[in-house]
């Protein structure tokens, strides 16, 4: 899989509740309240509304990342299971650290979201690419898409089907917060572990 750089800039943080409400107004569906906590319990459609509203207000082209763009940003030049290396340990991300991966050190799970930027960023300066909230992507999910789809700038932009979510969340074990882990949810799903970050296209 290659990205033939149409340049993009990924959000440094997951979209916060403060940012979300500044654009779309009050949201009573947030489960873990705090201005600097990630917006969660949001549907894929609401993410699109947020991106469109910011685009219209600023004149910039904002959207959700494609699945390929998301993974590129998460890996930040690495080729290991996590951007932290072959494993991830308690204290490196907000996930169910009561479980381990490849012998990684365990800890006491937070069992909720935390403020964005609470852990060290990856090599691209992006925070919470592993855990905190699962992040909606632009693509329709297809199990074998990367085997049969385009090898350059792959994006499954079909109209029907569940949407891709990546990164895992506070509730997920380490195996589900790996760079390569793929998951899906129906577009209208709203769960206390579903959030998003935005991407800005650069001409």
C-alpha atoms as a PDB file:
ATOM      1  CA  UNK A   1       0.000   0.000   0.000  1.00  0.00           C
ATOM      2  CA  UNK A   2       1.376   3.399  -1.007  1.00  0.00           C
ATOM      3  CA  UNK A   3       0.233   6.969  -0.540  1.00  0.00           C
ATOM      4  CA  UNK A   4       0.934   9.078  -3.629  1.00  0.00           C
ATOM      5  CA  UNK A   5       1.111  12.295  -1.688  1.00  0.00           C
ATOM      6  CA  UNK A   6      -1.779  14.517  -2.157  1.00  0.00           C
ATOM      7  CA  UNK A   7      -0.484  16.307   0.934  1.00  0.00           C
ATOM      8  CA  UNK A   8      -2.534  16.301   4.074  1.00  0.00           C
ATOM      9  CA  UNK A   9      -2.217  17.467   7.645  1.00  0.00           C
ATOM     10  CA  UNK A  10      -3.755  15.272  10.309  1.00  0.00           C
ATOM     11  CA  UNK A  11      -5.245  16.662  13.505  1.00  0.00           C
ATOM     12  CA  UNK A  12      -2.733  16.733  16.340  1.00  0.00           C
ATOM     13  CA  UNK A  13      -5.442  15.612  18.759  1.00  0.00           C
ATOM     14  CA  UNK A  14      -8.763  13.867  18.595  1.00  0.00           C
ATOM     15  CA  UNK A  15     -11.554  16.448  18.292  1.00  0.00           C
ATOM     16  CA  UNK A  16     -12.393  17.655  21.794  1.00  0.00           C
ATOM     17  CA  UNK A  17     -15.783  18.348  23.294  1.00  0.00           C
ATOM     18  CA  UNK A  18     -14.966  22.055  23.389  1.00  0.00           C
ATOM     19  CA  UNK A  19     -14.206  22.056  19.652  1.00  0.00           C
ATOM     20  CA  UNK A  20     -17.226  19.948  18.792  1.00  0.00           C
ATOM     21  CA  UNK A  21     -19.677  22.146  20.676  1.00  0.00           C
ATOM     22  CA  UNK A  22     -18.109  25.348  19.333  1.00  0.00           C
ATOM     23  CA  UNK A  23     -18.997  24.124  15.831  1.00  0.00           C
ATOM     24  CA  UNK A  24     -22.195  22.093  16.246  1.00  0.00           C
ATOM     25  CA  UNK A  25     -23.597  23.353  19.545  1.00  0.00           C
ATOM     26  CA  UNK A  26     -24.313  21.554  22.844  1.00  0.00           C
ATOM     27  CA  UNK A  27     -24.226  17.766  22.841  1.00  0.00           C
ATOM     28  CA  UNK A  28     -25.955  15.992  25.702  1.00  0.00           C
ATOM     29  CA  UNK A  29     -24.788  12.571  24.553  1.00  0.00           C
ATOM     30  CA  UNK A  30     -21.186  12.859  25.743  1.00  0.00           C
ATOM     31  CA  UNK A  31     -20.593  10.257  28.460  1.00  0.00           C
ATOM     32  CA  UNK A  32     -17.325  11.497  29.971  1.00  0.00           C
ATOM     33  CA  UNK A  33     -17.697  15.254  30.308  1.00  0.00           C
ATOM     34  CA  UNK A  34     -14.800  17.677  29.943  1.00  0.00           C
ATOM     35  CA  UNK A  35     -13.792  20.416  27.504  1.00  0.00           C
ATOM     36  CA  UNK A  36     -10.434  18.780  26.759  1.00  0.00           C
ATOM     37  CA  UNK A  37     -11.785  15.240  26.652  1.00  0.00           C
ATOM     38  CA  UNK A  38     -12.437  13.728  23.220  1.00  0.00           C
ATOM     39  CA  UNK A  39     -15.869  14.131  21.696  1.00  0.00           C
ATOM     40  CA  UNK A  40     -17.340  10.637  21.897  1.00  0.00           C
ATOM     41  CA  UNK A  41     -20.666   8.926  21.408  1.00  0.00           C
ATOM     42  CA  UNK A  42     -20.758  10.571  17.965  1.00  0.00           C
ATOM     43  CA  UNK A  43     -22.063   9.085  14.718  1.00  0.00           C
ATOM     44  CA  UNK A  44     -20.147   9.046  11.442  1.00  0.00           C
ATOM     45  CA  UNK A  45     -22.725  11.482  10.044  1.00  0.00           C
ATOM     46  CA  UNK A  46     -22.006  13.972  12.829  1.00  0.00           C
ATOM     47  CA  UNK A  47     -18.300  13.829  11.997  1.00  0.00           C
ATOM     48  CA  UNK A  48     -19.162  14.789   8.440  1.00  0.00           C
ATOM     49  CA  UNK A  49     -21.320  17.673   9.657  1.00  0.00           C
ATOM     50  CA  UNK A  50     -18.430  18.931  11.786  1.00  0.00           C
ATOM     51  CA  UNK A  51     -15.955  18.768   8.889  1.00  0.00           C
ATOM     52  CA  UNK A  52     -18.357  20.505   6.505  1.00  0.00           C
ATOM     53  CA  UNK A  53     -19.116  23.274   8.991  1.00  0.00           C
ATOM     54  CA  UNK A  54     -15.418  23.964   9.643  1.00  0.00           C
ATOM     55  CA  UNK A  55     -14.689  23.879   5.900  1.00  0.00           C
ATOM     56  CA  UNK A  56     -17.461  26.367   5.158  1.00  0.00           C
ATOM     57  CA  UNK A  57     -16.348  28.705   7.922  1.00  0.00           C
ATOM     58  CA  UNK A  58     -12.620  28.673   7.197  1.00  0.00           C
ATOM     59  CA  UNK A  59     -12.424  27.982   3.473  1.00  0.00           C
ATOM     60  CA  UNK A  60     -10.113  25.031   4.211  1.00  0.00           C
ATOM     61  CA  UNK A  61     -10.877  21.509   3.047  1.00  0.00           C
ATOM     62  CA  UNK A  62     -11.512  19.441   6.164  1.00  0.00           C
ATOM     63  CA  UNK A  63     -12.600  15.800   6.199  1.00  0.00           C
ATOM     64  CA  UNK A  64     -12.141  12.494   7.938  1.00  0.00           C
ATOM     65  CA  UNK A  65      -8.956  10.638   7.005  1.00  0.00           C
ATOM     66  CA  UNK A  66      -9.108   7.660   4.707  1.00  0.00           C
ATOM     67  CA  UNK A  67      -8.174   4.387   6.362  1.00  0.00           C
ATOM     68  CA  UNK A  68      -4.809   4.399   4.579  1.00  0.00           C
ATOM     69  CA  UNK A  69      -4.070   7.971   5.655  1.00  0.00           C
ATOM     70  CA  UNK A  70      -5.016   7.117   9.225  1.00  0.00           C
ATOM     71  CA  UNK A  71      -2.641   4.135   9.347  1.00  0.00           C
ATOM     72  CA  UNK A  72       0.191   6.138   7.787  1.00  0.00           C
ATOM     73  CA  UNK A  73      -0.287   8.844  10.419  1.00  0.00           C
ATOM     74  CA  UNK A  74      -0.492   6.286  13.217  1.00  0.00           C
ATOM     75  CA  UNK A  75       2.664   4.432  12.206  1.00  0.00           C
ATOM     76  CA  UNK A  76       4.710   7.613  11.814  1.00  0.00           C
ATOM     77  CA  UNK A  77       7.433   5.801   9.907  1.00  0.00           C
ATOM     78  CA  UNK A  78       7.419   2.614  11.979  1.00  0.00           C
ATOM     79  CA  UNK A  79       6.656  -0.908  10.773  1.00  0.00           C
ATOM     80  CA  UNK A  80       5.989  -2.494  14.163  1.00  0.00           C
ATOM     81  CA  UNK A  81       2.691  -3.494  15.750  1.00  0.00           C
ATOM     82  CA  UNK A  82       2.530  -0.137  17.551  1.00  0.00           C
ATOM     83  CA  UNK A  83       4.258   3.170  16.932  1.00  0.00           C
ATOM     84  CA  UNK A  84       5.831   2.540  20.352  1.00  0.00           C
ATOM     85  CA  UNK A  85       7.493  -0.648  19.087  1.00  0.00           C
ATOM     86  CA  UNK A  86       6.696  -4.358  19.121  1.00  0.00           C
ATOM     87  CA  UNK A  87       4.419  -3.941  22.127  1.00  0.00           C
ATOM     88  CA  UNK A  88       2.656  -1.280  24.142  1.00  0.00           C
ATOM     89  CA  UNK A  89       2.645  -0.962  27.912  1.00  0.00           C
ATOM     90  CA  UNK A  90       0.665   0.748  30.638  1.00  0.00           C
ATOM     91  CA  UNK A  91       1.541   4.433  30.649  1.00  0.00           C
ATOM     92  CA  UNK A  92       1.934   4.751  26.865  1.00  0.00           C
ATOM     93  CA  UNK A  93      -1.751   5.014  25.894  1.00  0.00           C
ATOM     94  CA  UNK A  94      -5.281   4.821  27.290  1.00  0.00           C
ATOM     95  CA  UNK A  95      -6.436   1.256  26.576  1.00  0.00           C
ATOM     96  CA  UNK A  96      -7.336  -1.818  28.629  1.00  0.00           C
ATOM     97  CA  UNK A  97      -3.832  -2.168  30.020  1.00  0.00           C
ATOM     98  CA  UNK A  98      -5.001  -4.925  32.340  1.00  0.00           C
ATOM     99  CA  UNK A  99      -4.267  -7.149  29.338  1.00  0.00           C
ATOM    100  CA  UNK A 100      -0.881  -7.470  27.653  1.00  0.00           C
ATOM    101  CA  UNK A 101       0.495  -7.949  24.139  1.00  0.00           C
ATOM    102  CA  UNK A 102       3.724  -9.868  23.508  1.00  0.00           C
ATOM    103  CA  UNK A 103       4.620  -9.727  27.190  1.00  0.00           C
ATOM    104  CA  UNK A 104       4.119  -5.978  27.604  1.00  0.00           C
ATOM    105  CA  UNK A 105       3.781  -4.626  31.142  1.00  0.00           C
ATOM    106  CA  UNK A 106       0.202  -4.427  32.440  1.00  0.00           C
ATOM    107  CA  UNK A 107      -1.372  -1.882  34.752  1.00  0.00           C
ATOM    108  CA  UNK A 108      -4.685  -0.615  36.085  1.00  0.00           C
ATOM    109  CA  UNK A 109      -7.068   0.437  33.296  1.00  0.00           C
ATOM    110  CA  UNK A 110      -8.535   3.934  33.487  1.00  0.00           C
ATOM    111  CA  UNK A 111     -11.880   2.555  32.254  1.00  0.00           C
ATOM    112  CA  UNK A 112     -12.896   5.865  30.667  1.00  0.00           C
ATOM    113  CA  UNK A 113     -11.555   8.480  28.282  1.00  0.00           C
ATOM    114  CA  UNK A 114      -8.858  10.923  29.349  1.00  0.00           C
ATOM    115  CA  UNK A 115      -7.856  14.425  28.266  1.00  0.00           C
ATOM    116  CA  UNK A 116      -6.374  14.489  24.787  1.00  0.00           C
ATOM    117  CA  UNK A 117      -2.593  14.695  24.780  1.00  0.00           C
ATOM    118  CA  UNK A 118      -2.181  12.930  28.125  1.00  0.00           C
ATOM    119  CA  UNK A 119       0.425  10.550  26.677  1.00  0.00           C
ATOM    120  CA  UNK A 120       3.533  11.027  24.552  1.00  0.00           C
ATOM    121  CA  UNK A 121       2.929  11.710  20.837  1.00  0.00           C
ATOM    122  CA  UNK A 122       4.225   9.569  17.998  1.00  0.00           C
ATOM    123  CA  UNK A 123       7.119  10.636  15.761  1.00  0.00           C
ATOM    124  CA  UNK A 124       4.757  12.815  13.681  1.00  0.00           C
ATOM    125  CA  UNK A 125       3.655  14.708  16.796  1.00  0.00           C
ATOM    126  CA  UNK A 126       0.185  13.123  16.825  1.00  0.00           C
ATOM    127  CA  UNK A 127      -1.429  12.160  20.115  1.00  0.00           C
ATOM    128  CA  UNK A 128      -3.696   9.252  21.057  1.00  0.00           C
ATOM    129  CA  UNK A 129      -3.354   7.322  17.821  1.00  0.00           C
ATOM    130  CA  UNK A 130      -3.525   4.249  20.047  1.00  0.00           C
ATOM    131  CA  UNK A 131      -6.529   4.139  22.379  1.00  0.00           C
ATOM    132  CA  UNK A 132      -8.644   6.793  24.122  1.00  0.00           C
ATOM    133  CA  UNK A 133     -11.411   6.675  21.479  1.00  0.00           C
ATOM    134  CA  UNK A 134     -11.795   4.684  18.273  1.00  0.00           C
ATOM    135  CA  UNK A 135     -11.582   7.061  15.329  1.00  0.00           C
ATOM    136  CA  UNK A 136     -14.009   7.122  12.432  1.00  0.00           C
ATOM    137  CA  UNK A 137     -12.493   7.006   8.934  1.00  0.00           C
ATOM    138  CA  UNK A 138     -13.924   8.009   5.580  1.00  0.00           C
ATOM    139  CA  UNK A 139     -13.959   4.510   4.059  1.00  0.00           C
ATOM    140  CA  UNK A 140     -16.598   1.844   3.776  1.00  0.00           C
ATOM    141  CA  UNK A 141     -15.261  -1.319   5.437  1.00  0.00           C
ATOM    142  CA  UNK A 142     -14.473  -4.318   3.251  1.00  0.00           C
ATOM    143  CA  UNK A 143     -12.643  -7.274   4.733  1.00  0.00           C
ATOM    144  CA  UNK A 144     -10.362  -7.972   1.755  1.00  0.00           C
ATOM    145  CA  UNK A 145     -10.090  -4.417   0.429  1.00  0.00           C
ATOM    146  CA  UNK A 146      -6.319  -4.160   0.799  1.00  0.00           C
ATOM    147  CA  UNK A 147      -5.809  -7.430  -1.084  1.00  0.00           C
ATOM    148  CA  UNK A 148      -8.057  -6.522  -4.004  1.00  0.00           C
ATOM    149  CA  UNK A 149      -8.190  -2.714  -3.929  1.00  0.00           C
ATOM    150  CA  UNK A 150      -5.829  -0.099  -5.435  1.00  0.00           C
ATOM    151  CA  UNK A 151      -2.236  -0.199  -4.246  1.00  0.00           C
ATOM    152  CA  UNK A 152      -1.812   3.586  -4.439  1.00  0.00           C
ATOM    153  CA  UNK A 153      -4.043   5.905  -2.374  1.00  0.00           C
ATOM    154  CA  UNK A 154      -6.516   3.127  -1.550  1.00  0.00           C
ATOM    155  CA  UNK A 155      -9.949   4.350  -0.436  1.00  0.00           C
ATOM    156  CA  UNK A 156     -13.191   2.405  -0.442  1.00  0.00           C
ATOM    157  CA  UNK A 157     -15.654   5.194  -1.180  1.00  0.00           C
ATOM    158  CA  UNK A 158     -18.721   3.029  -1.720  1.00  0.00           C
ATOM    159  CA  UNK A 159     -22.142   4.179  -0.587  1.00  0.00           C
ATOM    160  CA  UNK A 160     -23.334   1.120   1.309  1.00  0.00           C
ATOM    161  CA  UNK A 161     -21.891  -0.667   4.304  1.00  0.00           C
ATOM    162  CA  UNK A 162     -20.345  -0.008   7.680  1.00  0.00           C
ATOM    163  CA  UNK A 163     -17.582   2.576   8.087  1.00  0.00           C
ATOM    164  CA  UNK A 164     -14.036   1.873   9.191  1.00  0.00           C
ATOM    165  CA  UNK A 165     -12.946   2.739  12.721  1.00  0.00           C
ATOM    166  CA  UNK A 166      -9.310   2.578  13.759  1.00  0.00           C
ATOM    167  CA  UNK A 167      -7.052   2.894  16.782  1.00  0.00           C
ATOM    168  CA  UNK A 168      -9.045   1.171  19.495  1.00  0.00           C
ATOM    169  CA  UNK A 169     -10.177   2.901  22.666  1.00  0.00           C
ATOM    170  CA  UNK A 170     -10.035   2.973  26.443  1.00  0.00           C
ATOM    171  CA  UNK A 171     -12.200  -0.143  26.571  1.00  0.00           C
ATOM    172  CA  UNK A 172     -10.190  -2.288  24.139  1.00  0.00           C
ATOM    173  CA  UNK A 173      -7.309  -4.743  24.767  1.00  0.00           C
ATOM    174  CA  UNK A 174      -3.880  -4.003  23.242  1.00  0.00           C
ATOM    175  CA  UNK A 175      -4.393  -6.326  20.279  1.00  0.00           C
ATOM    176  CA  UNK A 176      -7.197  -3.990  19.144  1.00  0.00           C
ATOM    177  CA  UNK A 177      -5.157  -0.781  19.393  1.00  0.00           C
ATOM    178  CA  UNK A 178      -2.410  -1.984  17.001  1.00  0.00           C
ATOM    179  CA  UNK A 179      -1.549   0.180  13.981  1.00  0.00           C
ATOM    180  CA  UNK A 180      -2.924  -2.463  11.616  1.00  0.00           C
ATOM    181  CA  UNK A 181      -6.074  -3.461  13.496  1.00  0.00           C
ATOM    182  CA  UNK A 182      -9.221  -2.832  11.450  1.00  0.00           C
ATOM    183  CA  UNK A 183     -12.757  -2.572  12.737  1.00  0.00           C
ATOM    184  CA  UNK A 184     -16.139  -1.301  11.613  1.00  0.00           C
ATOM    185  CA  UNK A 185     -19.355   0.222  12.883  1.00  0.00           C
ATOM    186  CA  UNK A 186     -22.590   1.159  11.158  1.00  0.00           C
ATOM    187  CA  UNK A 187     -22.686   4.834  10.213  1.00  0.00           C
ATOM    188  CA  UNK A 188     -25.349   5.652  12.782  1.00  0.00           C
ATOM    189  CA  UNK A 189     -23.501   3.998  15.674  1.00  0.00           C
ATOM    190  CA  UNK A 190     -22.906   6.198  18.698  1.00  0.00           C
ATOM    191  CA  UNK A 191     -20.895   4.641  21.498  1.00  0.00           C
ATOM    192  CA  UNK A 192     -18.897   6.029  24.403  1.00  0.00           C
ATOM    193  CA  UNK A 193     -15.734   4.756  22.721  1.00  0.00           C
ATOM    194  CA  UNK A 194     -16.306   6.309  19.246  1.00  0.00           C
ATOM    195  CA  UNK A 195     -14.700   9.644  18.367  1.00  0.00           C
ATOM    196  CA  UNK A 196     -12.754  11.214  15.499  1.00  0.00           C
ATOM    197  CA  UNK A 197      -9.953  13.470  14.347  1.00  0.00           C
ATOM    198  CA  UNK A 198      -9.985  15.625  11.253  1.00  0.00           C
ATOM    199  CA  UNK A 199      -7.658  15.969   8.309  1.00  0.00           C
ATOM    200  CA  UNK A 200      -6.937  19.092   6.267  1.00  0.00           C
ATOM    201  CA  UNK A 201      -6.011  18.722   2.617  1.00  0.00           C
ATOM    202  CA  UNK A 202      -3.110  20.853   1.425  1.00  0.00           C
ATOM    203  CA  UNK A 203      -3.090  22.017  -2.189  1.00  0.00           C
END
